[in-house]
Amino acid sequence: MLVTVFCLVTGAAVRDIDTTAGLGPEAIYVPVMQGLLAAVVFQFTVGSVWGYVVEYREHGGGWTDNTLLAPFALAVLSGLAGTAVWLTYGMPVAGDLQALAVAALGSFLWAAFWGFVLSVVVVNLAAQLLKGYSDATDGRDGVTDDDEAVDTTDGDTHSRERDGGRASERDPERAQ
């Protein structure tokens, strides 16, 4: 995907070069830098969205959970609002419909991305506050009684999480 974005943006920039003034080093340098910048921006934006979805699913969330879908809906609304503000108060390009469409798309994507980022923060904080902390700690540096058990005979520490929630087979007392 990154190579595709790089090639598309670089190709579009090369297509727009004015060859009547001659070709200098900037004729290649500028399009390549534009392509690299587009690839980095693409990686940051798509990587952020993909990371959010993957982390949410890995922690037991579903594809149709409101907590997962709300940031996407808010991102679209933010993008539409950002585009409306730009068209109303910005500096639209007069006479060139293609330049206006590209600038409007850019303002939509910029506002949608930041709307997504901010809404992820707000939605996840609200969900965490409504849910509360799922692990009740006993005041020992965040370690719960269920996560760690100490075998007092040899001082060896066994994690019940590592054992899949089962007590160690070599210590029958821990099974109680």
Protein backbone atom coordinates (compact mmCIF):
# COMPACT_ATOMS: atom_id res chain seq x y z
CA MET A 1 0.00 0.00 0.00
CA LEU A 2 2.77 2.43 0.88
CA VAL A 3 4.50 1.85 -2.45
CA THR A 4 1.20 2.42 -4.24
CA VAL A 5 0.62 5.72 -2.42
CA PHE A 6 4.20 6.80 -3.12
CA CYS A 7 3.90 5.96 -6.83
CA LEU A 8 0.51 7.63 -7.26
CA VAL A 9 1.52 10.88 -5.57
CA THR A 10 4.94 11.00 -7.23
CA GLY A 11 3.39 10.27 -10.62
CA ALA A 12 0.78 12.99 -10.17
CA ALA A 13 3.49 15.47 -9.16
CA VAL A 14 5.67 14.54 -12.14
CA ARG A 15 2.69 14.95 -14.45
CA ASP A 16 2.22 18.52 -13.22
CA ILE A 17 5.84 19.58 -13.87
CA ASP A 18 6.20 22.53 -16.23
CA THR A 19 8.79 21.36 -18.77
CA THR A 20 8.90 24.63 -20.70
CA ALA A 21 11.27 26.17 -18.15
CA GLY A 22 13.70 23.24 -18.38
CA LEU A 23 14.34 20.36 -16.06
CA GLY A 24 16.59 20.81 -13.07
CA PRO A 25 17.29 18.60 -10.06
CA GLU A 26 14.14 19.88 -8.37
CA ALA A 27 12.09 18.36 -11.18
CA ILE A 28 12.72 14.95 -9.62
CA TYR A 29 13.48 15.93 -6.02
CA VAL A 30 10.17 17.71 -5.32
CA PRO A 31 7.87 14.94 -6.66
CA VAL A 32 9.84 12.25 -4.82
CA MET A 33 9.65 14.22 -1.57
CA GLN A 34 5.91 14.71 -2.09
CA GLY A 35 5.52 10.96 -2.62
CA LEU A 36 7.52 10.16 0.52
CA LEU A 37 5.52 12.64 2.57
CA ALA A 38 2.26 11.14 1.29
CA ALA A 39 3.48 7.64 2.21
CA VAL A 40 4.38 8.77 5.75
CA VAL A 41 1.03 10.54 6.23
CA PHE A 42 -0.78 7.47 4.89
CA GLN A 43 1.14 5.22 7.29
CA PHE A 44 0.33 7.44 10.27
CA THR A 45 -3.36 7.76 9.50
CA VAL A 46 -4.15 4.24 8.32
CA GLY A 47 -1.77 2.79 10.91
CA SER A 48 -3.55 4.64 13.70
CA VAL A 49 -6.98 3.47 12.60
CA TRP A 50 -5.80 -0.10 12.02
CA GLY A 51 -4.03 -0.16 15.39
CA TYR A 52 -7.17 1.05 17.15
CA VAL A 53 -9.34 -1.65 15.58
CA VAL A 54 -6.83 -4.46 16.15
CA GLU A 55 -6.21 -3.52 19.79
CA TYR A 56 -9.94 -3.25 20.42
CA ARG A 57 -10.57 -6.71 18.94
CA GLU A 58 -7.64 -8.28 20.80
CA HIS A 59 -9.07 -7.06 24.10
CA GLY A 60 -12.41 -8.78 23.53
CA GLY A 61 -14.39 -6.10 21.72
CA GLY A 62 -16.81 -6.88 18.93
CA TRP A 63 -17.04 -5.43 15.43
CA THR A 64 -20.43 -3.90 16.15
CA ASP A 65 -19.70 -2.41 19.57
CA ASN A 66 -20.66 1.23 19.90
CA THR A 67 -17.32 1.90 21.57
CA LEU A 68 -15.56 0.78 18.39
CA LEU A 69 -17.90 2.44 15.89
CA ALA A 70 -18.49 5.78 17.64
CA PRO A 71 -15.06 7.28 16.76
CA PHE A 72 -15.62 6.47 13.07
CA ALA A 73 -19.03 8.17 13.06
CA LEU A 74 -17.60 11.18 14.89
CA ALA A 75 -14.69 11.28 12.43
CA VAL A 76 -17.08 11.52 9.47
CA LEU A 77 -19.06 14.26 11.21
CA SER A 78 -15.84 16.12 12.04
CA GLY A 79 -14.70 15.83 8.44
CA LEU A 80 -17.98 17.20 7.13
CA ALA A 81 -17.89 20.05 9.65
CA GLY A 82 -14.26 20.83 8.79
CA THR A 83 -15.05 20.92 5.09
CA ALA A 84 -18.07 23.16 5.67
CA VAL A 85 -15.98 25.56 7.76
CA TRP A 86 -13.22 25.58 5.14
CA LEU A 87 -15.69 26.25 2.31
CA THR A 88 -17.38 29.00 4.31
CA TYR A 89 -14.40 30.80 5.83
CA GLY A 90 -11.41 29.42 3.95
CA MET A 91 -9.87 30.50 0.71
CA PRO A 92 -11.52 28.33 -1.96
CA VAL A 93 -9.75 28.22 -5.28
CA ALA A 94 -11.82 30.24 -7.73
CA GLY A 95 -12.46 28.85 -11.18
CA ASP A 96 -10.57 25.55 -10.86
CA LEU A 97 -13.03 22.82 -9.93
CA GLN A 98 -10.35 20.11 -9.66
CA ALA A 99 -8.22 22.19 -7.27
CA LEU A 100 -11.32 22.99 -5.21
CA ALA A 101 -12.26 19.29 -4.99
CA VAL A 102 -8.72 18.30 -3.94
CA ALA A 103 -8.60 21.06 -1.31
CA ALA A 104 -12.05 20.12 0.01
CA LEU A 105 -11.01 16.46 0.21
CA GLY A 106 -7.85 17.46 2.04
CA SER A 107 -9.78 19.53 4.57
CA PHE A 108 -12.25 16.67 5.06
CA LEU A 109 -9.47 14.12 5.67
CA TRP A 110 -7.55 16.43 8.01
CA ALA A 111 -10.63 17.21 10.12
CA ALA A 112 -11.80 13.59 10.06
CA PHE A 113 -8.42 12.26 11.24
CA TRP A 114 -8.21 14.65 14.18
CA GLY A 115 -11.87 14.10 14.97
CA PHE A 116 -11.15 10.37 15.05
CA VAL A 117 -8.14 10.76 17.33
CA LEU A 118 -9.95 13.01 19.80
CA SER A 119 -13.10 10.90 19.79
CA VAL A 120 -11.09 7.72 20.47
CA VAL A 121 -9.65 9.39 23.55
CA VAL A 122 -13.03 10.68 24.77
CA VAL A 123 -14.96 7.46 24.04
CA ASN A 124 -12.36 5.22 25.67
CA LEU A 125 -12.08 7.43 28.75
CA ALA A 126 -15.87 7.50 29.08
CA ALA A 127 -16.11 3.72 28.64
CA GLN A 128 -13.39 3.18 31.23
CA LEU A 129 -15.09 5.49 33.71
CA LEU A 130 -18.48 3.88 33.17
CA LYS A 131 -17.08 0.39 33.41
CA GLY A 132 -14.71 1.11 36.26
CA TYR A 133 -11.52 -0.75 36.81
CA SER A 134 -12.03 -4.42 36.14
CA ASP A 135 -9.32 -5.56 38.54
CA ALA A 136 -9.81 -4.85 42.23
CA THR A 137 -6.36 -4.35 43.71
CA ASP A 138 -5.44 -4.97 47.28
CA GLY A 139 -3.06 -2.02 47.47
CA ARG A 140 0.15 -3.90 46.70
CA ASP A 141 1.44 -2.06 43.63
CA GLY A 142 -1.52 -3.09 41.52
CA VAL A 143 -1.02 -6.86 42.01
CA THR A 144 -4.27 -8.68 42.69
CA ASP A 145 -4.69 -11.72 44.86
CA ASP A 146 -5.86 -13.77 41.87
CA ASP A 147 -2.86 -12.96 39.68
CA GLU A 148 -0.07 -14.07 41.96
CA ALA A 149 0.29 -16.76 44.61
CA VAL A 150 3.41 -17.40 46.67
CA ASP A 151 4.48 -20.89 47.63
CA THR A 152 5.89 -20.35 51.12
CA THR A 153 7.80 -23.62 51.23
CA ASP A 154 10.47 -22.60 48.73
CA GLY A 155 9.63 -18.92 48.11
CA ASP A 156 8.86 -19.59 44.47
CA THR A 157 6.29 -17.28 42.91
CA HIS A 158 3.79 -18.80 40.51
CA SER A 159 1.52 -16.82 38.28
CA ARG A 160 -1.96 -18.24 37.93
CA GLU A 161 -2.31 -16.32 34.69
CA ARG A 162 0.66 -18.17 33.24
CA ASP A 163 -0.86 -21.49 34.34
CA GLY A 164 -4.12 -20.59 32.62
CA GLY A 165 -5.91 -19.92 35.94
CA ARG A 166 -5.05 -23.39 37.31
CA ALA A 167 -2.99 -24.02 40.40
CA SER A 168 0.37 -25.62 39.85
CA GLU A 169 0.30 -29.41 39.66
CA ARG A 170 3.33 -29.76 41.92
CA ASP A 171 1.64 -27.84 44.76
CA PRO A 172 -1.68 -29.46 45.69
CA GLU A 173 -2.34 -26.91 48.49
CA ARG A 174 -2.63 -24.07 45.94
CA ALA A 175 -5.47 -25.88 44.20
CA GLN A 176 -7.76 -25.15 47.17
